PDBML (XML) file of the C-alpha atoms, coordinates in Angstrom:
<?xml version="1.0" encoding="UTF-8" ?>
<PDBx:datablock datablockName="MODEL"
   xmlns:PDBx="http://pdbml.pdb.org/schema/pdbx-v50.xsd"
   xmlns:xsi="http://www.w3.org/2001/XMLSchema-instance"
   xsi:schemaLocation="http://pdbml.pdb.org/schema/pdbx-v50.xsd pdbx-v50.xsd">
   <PDBx:atom_siteCategory>
      <PDBx:atom_site id="1">
         <PDBx:B_iso_or_equiv>0.00</PDBx:B_iso_or_equiv>
         <PDBx:Cartn_x>12.127</PDBx:Cartn_x>
         <PDBx:Cartn_y>-3.689</PDBx:Cartn_y>
         <PDBx:Cartn_z>-13.495</PDBx:Cartn_z>
         <PDBx:auth_asym_id>A</PDBx:auth_asym_id>
         <PDBx:auth_atom_id>CA</PDBx:auth_atom_id>
         <PDBx:auth_comp_id>GLY</PDBx:auth_comp_id>
         <PDBx:auth_seq_id>1</PDBx:auth_seq_id>
         <PDBx:group_PDB>ATOM</PDBx:group_PDB>
         <PDBx:label_alt_id xsi:nil="true" />
         <PDBx:label_asym_id>A</PDBx:label_asym_id>
         <PDBx:label_atom_id>CA</PDBx:label_atom_id>
         <PDBx:label_comp_id>GLY</PDBx:label_comp_id>
         <PDBx:label_entity_id>1</PDBx:label_entity_id>
         <PDBx:label_seq_id>1</PDBx:label_seq_id>
         <PDBx:occupancy>1.00</PDBx:occupancy>
         <PDBx:pdbx_PDB_model_num>1</PDBx:pdbx_PDB_model_num>
         <PDBx:type_symbol>C</PDBx:type_symbol>
      </PDBx:atom_site>
      <PDBx:atom_site id="2">
         <PDBx:B_iso_or_equiv>0.00</PDBx:B_iso_or_equiv>
         <PDBx:Cartn_x>8.622</PDBx:Cartn_x>
         <PDBx:Cartn_y>-3.391</PDBx:Cartn_y>
         <PDBx:Cartn_z>-11.940</PDBx:Cartn_z>
         <PDBx:auth_asym_id>A</PDBx:auth_asym_id>
         <PDBx:auth_atom_id>CA</PDBx:auth_atom_id>
         <PDBx:auth_comp_id>TYR</PDBx:auth_comp_id>
         <PDBx:auth_seq_id>2</PDBx:auth_seq_id>
         <PDBx:group_PDB>ATOM</PDBx:group_PDB>
         <PDBx:label_alt_id xsi:nil="true" />
         <PDBx:label_asym_id>A</PDBx:label_asym_id>
         <PDBx:label_atom_id>CA</PDBx:label_atom_id>
         <PDBx:label_comp_id>TYR</PDBx:label_comp_id>
         <PDBx:label_entity_id>1</PDBx:label_entity_id>
         <PDBx:label_seq_id>2</PDBx:label_seq_id>
         <PDBx:occupancy>1.00</PDBx:occupancy>
         <PDBx:pdbx_PDB_model_num>1</PDBx:pdbx_PDB_model_num>
         <PDBx:type_symbol>C</PDBx:type_symbol>
      </PDBx:atom_site>
      <PDBx:atom_site id="3">
         <PDBx:B_iso_or_equiv>0.00</PDBx:B_iso_or_equiv>
         <PDBx:Cartn_x>9.049</PDBx:Cartn_x>
         <PDBx:Cartn_y>-6.904</PDBx:Cartn_y>
         <PDBx:Cartn_z>-10.559</PDBx:Cartn_z>
         <PDBx:auth_asym_id>A</PDBx:auth_asym_id>
         <PDBx:auth_atom_id>CA</PDBx:auth_atom_id>
         <PDBx:auth_comp_id>GLU</PDBx:auth_comp_id>
         <PDBx:auth_seq_id>3</PDBx:auth_seq_id>
         <PDBx:group_PDB>ATOM</PDBx:group_PDB>
         <PDBx:label_alt_id xsi:nil="true" />
         <PDBx:label_asym_id>A</PDBx:label_asym_id>
         <PDBx:label_atom_id>CA</PDBx:label_atom_id>
         <PDBx:label_comp_id>GLU</PDBx:label_comp_id>
         <PDBx:label_entity_id>1</PDBx:label_entity_id>
         <PDBx:label_seq_id>3</PDBx:label_seq_id>
         <PDBx:occupancy>1.00</PDBx:occupancy>
         <PDBx:pdbx_PDB_model_num>1</PDBx:pdbx_PDB_model_num>
         <PDBx:type_symbol>C</PDBx:type_symbol>
      </PDBx:atom_site>
      <PDBx:atom_site id="4">
         <PDBx:B_iso_or_equiv>0.00</PDBx:B_iso_or_equiv>
         <PDBx:Cartn_x>11.669</PDBx:Cartn_x>
         <PDBx:Cartn_y>-5.614</PDBx:Cartn_y>
         <PDBx:Cartn_z>-8.149</PDBx:Cartn_z>
         <PDBx:auth_asym_id>A</PDBx:auth_asym_id>
         <PDBx:auth_atom_id>CA</PDBx:auth_atom_id>
         <PDBx:auth_comp_id>ASP</PDBx:auth_comp_id>
         <PDBx:auth_seq_id>4</PDBx:auth_seq_id>
         <PDBx:group_PDB>ATOM</PDBx:group_PDB>
         <PDBx:label_alt_id xsi:nil="true" />
         <PDBx:label_asym_id>A</PDBx:label_asym_id>
         <PDBx:label_atom_id>CA</PDBx:label_atom_id>
         <PDBx:label_comp_id>ASP</PDBx:label_comp_id>
         <PDBx:label_entity_id>1</PDBx:label_entity_id>
         <PDBx:label_seq_id>4</PDBx:label_seq_id>
         <PDBx:occupancy>1.00</PDBx:occupancy>
         <PDBx:pdbx_PDB_model_num>1</PDBx:pdbx_PDB_model_num>
         <PDBx:type_symbol>C</PDBx:type_symbol>
      </PDBx:atom_site>
      <PDBx:atom_site id="5">
         <PDBx:B_iso_or_equiv>0.00</PDBx:B_iso_or_equiv>
         <PDBx:Cartn_x>10.207</PDBx:Cartn_x>
         <PDBx:Cartn_y>-2.196</PDBx:Cartn_y>
         <PDBx:Cartn_z>-7.133</PDBx:Cartn_z>
         <PDBx:auth_asym_id>A</PDBx:auth_asym_id>
         <PDBx:auth_atom_id>CA</PDBx:auth_atom_id>
         <PDBx:auth_comp_id>TRP</PDBx:auth_comp_id>
         <PDBx:auth_seq_id>5</PDBx:auth_seq_id>
         <PDBx:group_PDB>ATOM</PDBx:group_PDB>
         <PDBx:label_alt_id xsi:nil="true" />
         <PDBx:label_asym_id>A</PDBx:label_asym_id>
         <PDBx:label_atom_id>CA</PDBx:label_atom_id>
         <PDBx:label_comp_id>TRP</PDBx:label_comp_id>
         <PDBx:label_entity_id>1</PDBx:label_entity_id>
         <PDBx:label_seq_id>5</PDBx:label_seq_id>
         <PDBx:occupancy>1.00</PDBx:occupancy>
         <PDBx:pdbx_PDB_model_num>1</PDBx:pdbx_PDB_model_num>
         <PDBx:type_symbol>C</PDBx:type_symbol>
      </PDBx:atom_site>
      <PDBx:atom_site id="6">
         <PDBx:B_iso_or_equiv>0.00</PDBx:B_iso_or_equiv>
         <PDBx:Cartn_x>9.260</PDBx:Cartn_x>
         <PDBx:Cartn_y>-1.692</PDBx:Cartn_y>
         <PDBx:Cartn_z>-3.294</PDBx:Cartn_z>
         <PDBx:auth_asym_id>A</PDBx:auth_asym_id>
         <PDBx:auth_atom_id>CA</PDBx:auth_atom_id>
         <PDBx:auth_comp_id>ALA</PDBx:auth_comp_id>
         <PDBx:auth_seq_id>6</PDBx:auth_seq_id>
         <PDBx:group_PDB>ATOM</PDBx:group_PDB>
         <PDBx:label_alt_id xsi:nil="true" />
         <PDBx:label_asym_id>A</PDBx:label_asym_id>
         <PDBx:label_atom_id>CA</PDBx:label_atom_id>
         <PDBx:label_comp_id>ALA</PDBx:label_comp_id>
         <PDBx:label_entity_id>1</PDBx:label_entity_id>
         <PDBx:label_seq_id>6</PDBx:label_seq_id>
         <PDBx:occupancy>1.00</PDBx:occupancy>
         <PDBx:pdbx_PDB_model_num>1</PDBx:pdbx_PDB_model_num>
         <PDBx:type_symbol>C</PDBx:type_symbol>
      </PDBx:atom_site>
      <PDBx:atom_site id="7">
         <PDBx:B_iso_or_equiv>0.00</PDBx:B_iso_or_equiv>
         <PDBx:Cartn_x>5.622</PDBx:Cartn_x>
         <PDBx:Cartn_y>-2.645</PDBx:Cartn_y>
         <PDBx:Cartn_z>-1.920</PDBx:Cartn_z>
         <PDBx:auth_asym_id>A</PDBx:auth_asym_id>
         <PDBx:auth_atom_id>CA</PDBx:auth_atom_id>
         <PDBx:auth_comp_id>VAL</PDBx:auth_comp_id>
         <PDBx:auth_seq_id>7</PDBx:auth_seq_id>
         <PDBx:group_PDB>ATOM</PDBx:group_PDB>
         <PDBx:label_alt_id xsi:nil="true" />
         <PDBx:label_asym_id>A</PDBx:label_asym_id>
         <PDBx:label_atom_id>CA</PDBx:label_atom_id>
         <PDBx:label_comp_id>VAL</PDBx:label_comp_id>
         <PDBx:label_entity_id>1</PDBx:label_entity_id>
         <PDBx:label_seq_id>7</PDBx:label_seq_id>
         <PDBx:occupancy>1.00</PDBx:occupancy>
         <PDBx:pdbx_PDB_model_num>1</PDBx:pdbx_PDB_model_num>
         <PDBx:type_symbol>C</PDBx:type_symbol>
      </PDBx:atom_site>
      <PDBx:atom_site id="8">
         <PDBx:B_iso_or_equiv>0.00</PDBx:B_iso_or_equiv>
         <PDBx:Cartn_x>3.521</PDBx:Cartn_x>
         <PDBx:Cartn_y>0.342</PDBx:Cartn_y>
         <PDBx:Cartn_z>-1.715</PDBx:Cartn_z>
         <PDBx:auth_asym_id>A</PDBx:auth_asym_id>
         <PDBx:auth_atom_id>CA</PDBx:auth_atom_id>
         <PDBx:auth_comp_id>VAL</PDBx:auth_comp_id>
         <PDBx:auth_seq_id>8</PDBx:auth_seq_id>
         <PDBx:group_PDB>ATOM</PDBx:group_PDB>
         <PDBx:label_alt_id xsi:nil="true" />
         <PDBx:label_asym_id>A</PDBx:label_asym_id>
         <PDBx:label_atom_id>CA</PDBx:label_atom_id>
         <PDBx:label_comp_id>VAL</PDBx:label_comp_id>
         <PDBx:label_entity_id>1</PDBx:label_entity_id>
         <PDBx:label_seq_id>8</PDBx:label_seq_id>
         <PDBx:occupancy>1.00</PDBx:occupancy>
         <PDBx:pdbx_PDB_model_num>1</PDBx:pdbx_PDB_model_num>
         <PDBx:type_symbol>C</PDBx:type_symbol>
      </PDBx:atom_site>
      <PDBx:atom_site id="9">
         <PDBx:B_iso_or_equiv>0.00</PDBx:B_iso_or_equiv>
         <PDBx:Cartn_x>0.175</PDBx:Cartn_x>
         <PDBx:Cartn_y>-1.330</PDBx:Cartn_y>
         <PDBx:Cartn_z>-0.835</PDBx:Cartn_z>
         <PDBx:auth_asym_id>A</PDBx:auth_asym_id>
         <PDBx:auth_atom_id>CA</PDBx:auth_atom_id>
         <PDBx:auth_comp_id>SER</PDBx:auth_comp_id>
         <PDBx:auth_seq_id>9</PDBx:auth_seq_id>
         <PDBx:group_PDB>ATOM</PDBx:group_PDB>
         <PDBx:label_alt_id xsi:nil="true" />
         <PDBx:label_asym_id>A</PDBx:label_asym_id>
         <PDBx:label_atom_id>CA</PDBx:label_atom_id>
         <PDBx:label_comp_id>SER</PDBx:label_comp_id>
         <PDBx:label_entity_id>1</PDBx:label_entity_id>
         <PDBx:label_seq_id>9</PDBx:label_seq_id>
         <PDBx:occupancy>1.00</PDBx:occupancy>
         <PDBx:pdbx_PDB_model_num>1</PDBx:pdbx_PDB_model_num>
         <PDBx:type_symbol>C</PDBx:type_symbol>
      </PDBx:atom_site>
      <PDBx:atom_site id="10">
         <PDBx:B_iso_or_equiv>0.00</PDBx:B_iso_or_equiv>
         <PDBx:Cartn_x>-2.081</PDBx:Cartn_x>
         <PDBx:Cartn_y>-4.249</PDBx:Cartn_y>
         <PDBx:Cartn_z>-1.414</PDBx:Cartn_z>
         <PDBx:auth_asym_id>A</PDBx:auth_asym_id>
         <PDBx:auth_atom_id>CA</PDBx:auth_atom_id>
         <PDBx:auth_comp_id>SER</PDBx:auth_comp_id>
         <PDBx:auth_seq_id>10</PDBx:auth_seq_id>
         <PDBx:group_PDB>ATOM</PDBx:group_PDB>
         <PDBx:label_alt_id xsi:nil="true" />
         <PDBx:label_asym_id>A</PDBx:label_asym_id>
         <PDBx:label_atom_id>CA</PDBx:label_atom_id>
         <PDBx:label_comp_id>SER</PDBx:label_comp_id>
         <PDBx:label_entity_id>1</PDBx:label_entity_id>
         <PDBx:label_seq_id>10</PDBx:label_seq_id>
         <PDBx:occupancy>1.00</PDBx:occupancy>
         <PDBx:pdbx_PDB_model_num>1</PDBx:pdbx_PDB_model_num>
         <PDBx:type_symbol>C</PDBx:type_symbol>
      </PDBx:atom_site>
      <PDBx:atom_site id="11">
         <PDBx:B_iso_or_equiv>0.00</PDBx:B_iso_or_equiv>
         <PDBx:Cartn_x>-5.575</PDBx:Cartn_x>
         <PDBx:Cartn_y>-4.839</PDBx:Cartn_y>
         <PDBx:Cartn_z>-2.107</PDBx:Cartn_z>
         <PDBx:auth_asym_id>A</PDBx:auth_asym_id>
         <PDBx:auth_atom_id>CA</PDBx:auth_atom_id>
         <PDBx:auth_comp_id>ALA</PDBx:auth_comp_id>
         <PDBx:auth_seq_id>11</PDBx:auth_seq_id>
         <PDBx:group_PDB>ATOM</PDBx:group_PDB>
         <PDBx:label_alt_id xsi:nil="true" />
         <PDBx:label_asym_id>A</PDBx:label_asym_id>
         <PDBx:label_atom_id>CA</PDBx:label_atom_id>
         <PDBx:label_comp_id>ALA</PDBx:label_comp_id>
         <PDBx:label_entity_id>1</PDBx:label_entity_id>
         <PDBx:label_seq_id>11</PDBx:label_seq_id>
         <PDBx:occupancy>1.00</PDBx:occupancy>
         <PDBx:pdbx_PDB_model_num>1</PDBx:pdbx_PDB_model_num>
         <PDBx:type_symbol>C</PDBx:type_symbol>
      </PDBx:atom_site>
      <PDBx:atom_site id="12">
         <PDBx:B_iso_or_equiv>0.00</PDBx:B_iso_or_equiv>
         <PDBx:Cartn_x>-8.658</PDBx:Cartn_x>
         <PDBx:Cartn_y>-7.148</PDBx:Cartn_y>
         <PDBx:Cartn_z>-3.093</PDBx:Cartn_z>
         <PDBx:auth_asym_id>A</PDBx:auth_asym_id>
         <PDBx:auth_atom_id>CA</PDBx:auth_atom_id>
         <PDBx:auth_comp_id>ARG</PDBx:auth_comp_id>
         <PDBx:auth_seq_id>12</PDBx:auth_seq_id>
         <PDBx:group_PDB>ATOM</PDBx:group_PDB>
         <PDBx:label_alt_id xsi:nil="true" />
         <PDBx:label_asym_id>A</PDBx:label_asym_id>
         <PDBx:label_atom_id>CA</PDBx:label_atom_id>
         <PDBx:label_comp_id>ARG</PDBx:label_comp_id>
         <PDBx:label_entity_id>1</PDBx:label_entity_id>
         <PDBx:label_seq_id>12</PDBx:label_seq_id>
         <PDBx:occupancy>1.00</PDBx:occupancy>
         <PDBx:pdbx_PDB_model_num>1</PDBx:pdbx_PDB_model_num>
         <PDBx:type_symbol>C</PDBx:type_symbol>
      </PDBx:atom_site>
      <PDBx:atom_site id="13">
         <PDBx:B_iso_or_equiv>0.00</PDBx:B_iso_or_equiv>
         <PDBx:Cartn_x>-11.569</PDBx:Cartn_x>
         <PDBx:Cartn_y>-6.959</PDBx:Cartn_y>
         <PDBx:Cartn_z>-4.991</PDBx:Cartn_z>
         <PDBx:auth_asym_id>A</PDBx:auth_asym_id>
         <PDBx:auth_atom_id>CA</PDBx:auth_atom_id>
         <PDBx:auth_comp_id>THR</PDBx:auth_comp_id>
         <PDBx:auth_seq_id>13</PDBx:auth_seq_id>
         <PDBx:group_PDB>ATOM</PDBx:group_PDB>
         <PDBx:label_alt_id xsi:nil="true" />
         <PDBx:label_asym_id>A</PDBx:label_asym_id>
         <PDBx:label_atom_id>CA</PDBx:label_atom_id>
         <PDBx:label_comp_id>THR</PDBx:label_comp_id>
         <PDBx:label_entity_id>1</PDBx:label_entity_id>
         <PDBx:label_seq_id>13</PDBx:label_seq_id>
         <PDBx:occupancy>1.00</PDBx:occupancy>
         <PDBx:pdbx_PDB_model_num>1</PDBx:pdbx_PDB_model_num>
         <PDBx:type_symbol>C</PDBx:type_symbol>
      </PDBx:atom_site>
      <PDBx:atom_site id="14">
         <PDBx:B_iso_or_equiv>0.00</PDBx:B_iso_or_equiv>
         <PDBx:Cartn_x>-14.110</PDBx:Cartn_x>
         <PDBx:Cartn_y>-9.932</PDBx:Cartn_y>
         <PDBx:Cartn_z>-5.220</PDBx:Cartn_z>
         <PDBx:auth_asym_id>A</PDBx:auth_asym_id>
         <PDBx:auth_atom_id>CA</PDBx:auth_atom_id>
         <PDBx:auth_comp_id>ASP</PDBx:auth_comp_id>
         <PDBx:auth_seq_id>14</PDBx:auth_seq_id>
         <PDBx:group_PDB>ATOM</PDBx:group_PDB>
         <PDBx:label_alt_id xsi:nil="true" />
         <PDBx:label_asym_id>A</PDBx:label_asym_id>
         <PDBx:label_atom_id>CA</PDBx:label_atom_id>
         <PDBx:label_comp_id>ASP</PDBx:label_comp_id>
         <PDBx:label_entity_id>1</PDBx:label_entity_id>
         <PDBx:label_seq_id>14</PDBx:label_seq_id>
         <PDBx:occupancy>1.00</PDBx:occupancy>
         <PDBx:pdbx_PDB_model_num>1</PDBx:pdbx_PDB_model_num>
         <PDBx:type_symbol>C</PDBx:type_symbol>
      </PDBx:atom_site>
      <PDBx:atom_site id="15">
         <PDBx:B_iso_or_equiv>0.00</PDBx:B_iso_or_equiv>
         <PDBx:Cartn_x>-12.397</PDBx:Cartn_x>
         <PDBx:Cartn_y>-10.737</PDBx:Cartn_y>
         <PDBx:Cartn_z>-9.292</PDBx:Cartn_z>
         <PDBx:auth_asym_id>A</PDBx:auth_asym_id>
         <PDBx:auth_atom_id>CA</PDBx:auth_atom_id>
         <PDBx:auth_comp_id>GLU</PDBx:auth_comp_id>
         <PDBx:auth_seq_id>15</PDBx:auth_seq_id>
         <PDBx:group_PDB>ATOM</PDBx:group_PDB>
         <PDBx:label_alt_id xsi:nil="true" />
         <PDBx:label_asym_id>A</PDBx:label_asym_id>
         <PDBx:label_atom_id>CA</PDBx:label_atom_id>
         <PDBx:label_comp_id>GLU</PDBx:label_comp_id>
         <PDBx:label_entity_id>1</PDBx:label_entity_id>
         <PDBx:label_seq_id>15</PDBx:label_seq_id>
         <PDBx:occupancy>1.00</PDBx:occupancy>
         <PDBx:pdbx_PDB_model_num>1</PDBx:pdbx_PDB_model_num>
         <PDBx:type_symbol>C</PDBx:type_symbol>
      </PDBx:atom_site>
      <PDBx:atom_site id="16">
         <PDBx:B_iso_or_equiv>0.00</PDBx:B_iso_or_equiv>
         <PDBx:Cartn_x>-8.311</PDBx:Cartn_x>
         <PDBx:Cartn_y>-10.130</PDBx:Cartn_y>
         <PDBx:Cartn_z>-8.248</PDBx:Cartn_z>
         <PDBx:auth_asym_id>A</PDBx:auth_asym_id>
         <PDBx:auth_atom_id>CA</PDBx:auth_atom_id>
         <PDBx:auth_comp_id>VAL</PDBx:auth_comp_id>
         <PDBx:auth_seq_id>16</PDBx:auth_seq_id>
         <PDBx:group_PDB>ATOM</PDBx:group_PDB>
         <PDBx:label_alt_id xsi:nil="true" />
         <PDBx:label_asym_id>A</PDBx:label_asym_id>
         <PDBx:label_atom_id>CA</PDBx:label_atom_id>
         <PDBx:label_comp_id>VAL</PDBx:label_comp_id>
         <PDBx:label_entity_id>1</PDBx:label_entity_id>
         <PDBx:label_seq_id>16</PDBx:label_seq_id>
         <PDBx:occupancy>1.00</PDBx:occupancy>
         <PDBx:pdbx_PDB_model_num>1</PDBx:pdbx_PDB_model_num>
         <PDBx:type_symbol>C</PDBx:type_symbol>
      </PDBx:atom_site>
      <PDBx:atom_site id="17">
         <PDBx:B_iso_or_equiv>0.00</PDBx:B_iso_or_equiv>
         <PDBx:Cartn_x>-6.052</PDBx:Cartn_x>
         <PDBx:Cartn_y>-9.676</PDBx:Cartn_y>
         <PDBx:Cartn_z>-5.848</PDBx:Cartn_z>
         <PDBx:auth_asym_id>A</PDBx:auth_asym_id>
         <PDBx:auth_atom_id>CA</PDBx:auth_atom_id>
         <PDBx:auth_comp_id>LEU</PDBx:auth_comp_id>
         <PDBx:auth_seq_id>17</PDBx:auth_seq_id>
         <PDBx:group_PDB>ATOM</PDBx:group_PDB>
         <PDBx:label_alt_id xsi:nil="true" />
         <PDBx:label_asym_id>A</PDBx:label_asym_id>
         <PDBx:label_atom_id>CA</PDBx:label_atom_id>
         <PDBx:label_comp_id>LEU</PDBx:label_comp_id>
         <PDBx:label_entity_id>1</PDBx:label_entity_id>
         <PDBx:label_seq_id>17</PDBx:label_seq_id>
         <PDBx:occupancy>1.00</PDBx:occupancy>
         <PDBx:pdbx_PDB_model_num>1</PDBx:pdbx_PDB_model_num>
         <PDBx:type_symbol>C</PDBx:type_symbol>
      </PDBx:atom_site>
      <PDBx:atom_site id="18">
         <PDBx:B_iso_or_equiv>0.00</PDBx:B_iso_or_equiv>
         <PDBx:Cartn_x>-3.682</PDBx:Cartn_x>
         <PDBx:Cartn_y>-6.484</PDBx:Cartn_y>
         <PDBx:Cartn_z>-6.005</PDBx:Cartn_z>
         <PDBx:auth_asym_id>A</PDBx:auth_asym_id>
         <PDBx:auth_atom_id>CA</PDBx:auth_atom_id>
         <PDBx:auth_comp_id>LYS</PDBx:auth_comp_id>
         <PDBx:auth_seq_id>18</PDBx:auth_seq_id>
         <PDBx:group_PDB>ATOM</PDBx:group_PDB>
         <PDBx:label_alt_id xsi:nil="true" />
         <PDBx:label_asym_id>A</PDBx:label_asym_id>
         <PDBx:label_atom_id>CA</PDBx:label_atom_id>
         <PDBx:label_comp_id>LYS</PDBx:label_comp_id>
         <PDBx:label_entity_id>1</PDBx:label_entity_id>
         <PDBx:label_seq_id>18</PDBx:label_seq_id>
         <PDBx:occupancy>1.00</PDBx:occupancy>
         <PDBx:pdbx_PDB_model_num>1</PDBx:pdbx_PDB_model_num>
         <PDBx:type_symbol>C</PDBx:type_symbol>
      </PDBx:atom_site>
      <PDBx:atom_site id="19">
         <PDBx:B_iso_or_equiv>0.00</PDBx:B_iso_or_equiv>
         <PDBx:Cartn_x>0.121</PDBx:Cartn_x>
         <PDBx:Cartn_y>-5.616</PDBx:Cartn_y>
         <PDBx:Cartn_z>-5.214</PDBx:Cartn_z>
         <PDBx:auth_asym_id>A</PDBx:auth_asym_id>
         <PDBx:auth_atom_id>CA</PDBx:auth_atom_id>
         <PDBx:auth_comp_id>VAL</PDBx:auth_comp_id>
         <PDBx:auth_seq_id>19</PDBx:auth_seq_id>
         <PDBx:group_PDB>ATOM</PDBx:group_PDB>
         <PDBx:label_alt_id xsi:nil="true" />
         <PDBx:label_asym_id>A</PDBx:label_asym_id>
         <PDBx:label_atom_id>CA</PDBx:label_atom_id>
         <PDBx:label_comp_id>VAL</PDBx:label_comp_id>
         <PDBx:label_entity_id>1</PDBx:label_entity_id>
         <PDBx:label_seq_id>19</PDBx:label_seq_id>
         <PDBx:occupancy>1.00</PDBx:occupancy>
         <PDBx:pdbx_PDB_model_num>1</PDBx:pdbx_PDB_model_num>
         <PDBx:type_symbol>C</PDBx:type_symbol>
      </PDBx:atom_site>
      <PDBx:atom_site id="20">
         <PDBx:B_iso_or_equiv>0.00</PDBx:B_iso_or_equiv>
         <PDBx:Cartn_x>0.756</PDBx:Cartn_x>
         <PDBx:Cartn_y>-1.847</PDBx:Cartn_y>
         <PDBx:Cartn_z>-5.704</PDBx:Cartn_z>
         <PDBx:auth_asym_id>A</PDBx:auth_asym_id>
         <PDBx:auth_atom_id>CA</PDBx:auth_atom_id>
         <PDBx:auth_comp_id>ILE</PDBx:auth_comp_id>
         <PDBx:auth_seq_id>20</PDBx:auth_seq_id>
         <PDBx:group_PDB>ATOM</PDBx:group_PDB>
         <PDBx:label_alt_id xsi:nil="true" />
         <PDBx:label_asym_id>A</PDBx:label_asym_id>
         <PDBx:label_atom_id>CA</PDBx:label_atom_id>
         <PDBx:label_comp_id>ILE</PDBx:label_comp_id>
         <PDBx:label_entity_id>1</PDBx:label_entity_id>
         <PDBx:label_seq_id>20</PDBx:label_seq_id>
         <PDBx:occupancy>1.00</PDBx:occupancy>
         <PDBx:pdbx_PDB_model_num>1</PDBx:pdbx_PDB_model_num>
         <PDBx:type_symbol>C</PDBx:type_symbol>
      </PDBx:atom_site>
      <PDBx:atom_site id="21">
         <PDBx:B_iso_or_equiv>0.00</PDBx:B_iso_or_equiv>
         <PDBx:Cartn_x>4.615</PDBx:Cartn_x>
         <PDBx:Cartn_y>-1.365</PDBx:Cartn_y>
         <PDBx:Cartn_z>-6.258</PDBx:Cartn_z>
         <PDBx:auth_asym_id>A</PDBx:auth_asym_id>
         <PDBx:auth_atom_id>CA</PDBx:auth_atom_id>
         <PDBx:auth_comp_id>VAL</PDBx:auth_comp_id>
         <PDBx:auth_seq_id>21</PDBx:auth_seq_id>
         <PDBx:group_PDB>ATOM</PDBx:group_PDB>
         <PDBx:label_alt_id xsi:nil="true" />
         <PDBx:label_asym_id>A</PDBx:label_asym_id>
         <PDBx:label_atom_id>CA</PDBx:label_atom_id>
         <PDBx:label_comp_id>VAL</PDBx:label_comp_id>
         <PDBx:label_entity_id>1</PDBx:label_entity_id>
         <PDBx:label_seq_id>21</PDBx:label_seq_id>
         <PDBx:occupancy>1.00</PDBx:occupancy>
         <PDBx:pdbx_PDB_model_num>1</PDBx:pdbx_PDB_model_num>
         <PDBx:type_symbol>C</PDBx:type_symbol>
      </PDBx:atom_site>
      <PDBx:atom_site id="22">
         <PDBx:B_iso_or_equiv>0.00</PDBx:B_iso_or_equiv>
         <PDBx:Cartn_x>6.578</PDBx:Cartn_x>
         <PDBx:Cartn_y>2.052</PDBx:Cartn_y>
         <PDBx:Cartn_z>-6.974</PDBx:Cartn_z>
         <PDBx:auth_asym_id>A</PDBx:auth_asym_id>
         <PDBx:auth_atom_id>CA</PDBx:auth_atom_id>
         <PDBx:auth_comp_id>ALA</PDBx:auth_comp_id>
         <PDBx:auth_seq_id>22</PDBx:auth_seq_id>
         <PDBx:group_PDB>ATOM</PDBx:group_PDB>
         <PDBx:label_alt_id xsi:nil="true" />
         <PDBx:label_asym_id>A</PDBx:label_asym_id>
         <PDBx:label_atom_id>CA</PDBx:label_atom_id>
         <PDBx:label_comp_id>ALA</PDBx:label_comp_id>
         <PDBx:label_entity_id>1</PDBx:label_entity_id>
         <PDBx:label_seq_id>22</PDBx:label_seq_id>
         <PDBx:occupancy>1.00</PDBx:occupancy>
         <PDBx:pdbx_PDB_model_num>1</PDBx:pdbx_PDB_model_num>
         <PDBx:type_symbol>C</PDBx:type_symbol>
      </PDBx:atom_site>
      <PDBx:atom_site id="23">
         <PDBx:B_iso_or_equiv>0.00</PDBx:B_iso_or_equiv>
         <PDBx:Cartn_x>10.086</PDBx:Cartn_x>
         <PDBx:Cartn_y>2.983</PDBx:Cartn_y>
         <PDBx:Cartn_z>-8.725</PDBx:Cartn_z>
         <PDBx:auth_asym_id>A</PDBx:auth_asym_id>
         <PDBx:auth_atom_id>CA</PDBx:auth_atom_id>
         <PDBx:auth_comp_id>ASN</PDBx:auth_comp_id>
         <PDBx:auth_seq_id>23</PDBx:auth_seq_id>
         <PDBx:group_PDB>ATOM</PDBx:group_PDB>
         <PDBx:label_alt_id xsi:nil="true" />
         <PDBx:label_asym_id>A</PDBx:label_asym_id>
         <PDBx:label_atom_id>CA</PDBx:label_atom_id>
         <PDBx:label_comp_id>ASN</PDBx:label_comp_id>
         <PDBx:label_entity_id>1</PDBx:label_entity_id>
         <PDBx:label_seq_id>23</PDBx:label_seq_id>
         <PDBx:occupancy>1.00</PDBx:occupancy>
         <PDBx:pdbx_PDB_model_num>1</PDBx:pdbx_PDB_model_num>
         <PDBx:type_symbol>C</PDBx:type_symbol>
      </PDBx:atom_site>
      <PDBx:atom_site id="24">
         <PDBx:B_iso_or_equiv>0.00</PDBx:B_iso_or_equiv>
         <PDBx:Cartn_x>12.749</PDBx:Cartn_x>
         <PDBx:Cartn_y>4.307</PDBx:Cartn_y>
         <PDBx:Cartn_z>-6.514</PDBx:Cartn_z>
         <PDBx:auth_asym_id>A</PDBx:auth_asym_id>
         <PDBx:auth_atom_id>CA</PDBx:auth_atom_id>
         <PDBx:auth_comp_id>PRO</PDBx:auth_comp_id>
         <PDBx:auth_seq_id>24</PDBx:auth_seq_id>
         <PDBx:group_PDB>ATOM</PDBx:group_PDB>
         <PDBx:label_alt_id xsi:nil="true" />
         <PDBx:label_asym_id>A</PDBx:label_asym_id>
         <PDBx:label_atom_id>CA</PDBx:label_atom_id>
         <PDBx:label_comp_id>PRO</PDBx:label_comp_id>
         <PDBx:label_entity_id>1</PDBx:label_entity_id>
         <PDBx:label_seq_id>24</PDBx:label_seq_id>
         <PDBx:occupancy>1.00</PDBx:occupancy>
         <PDBx:pdbx_PDB_model_num>1</PDBx:pdbx_PDB_model_num>
         <PDBx:type_symbol>C</PDBx:type_symbol>
      </PDBx:atom_site>
   </PDBx:atom_siteCategory>
</PDBx:datablock>
């Protein structure tokens, strides 16, 4: 179910875009 967890934050490096999500 991680696909539907709430977003905590986001980040970017030279190589990747990141979305950080957490469970309830």
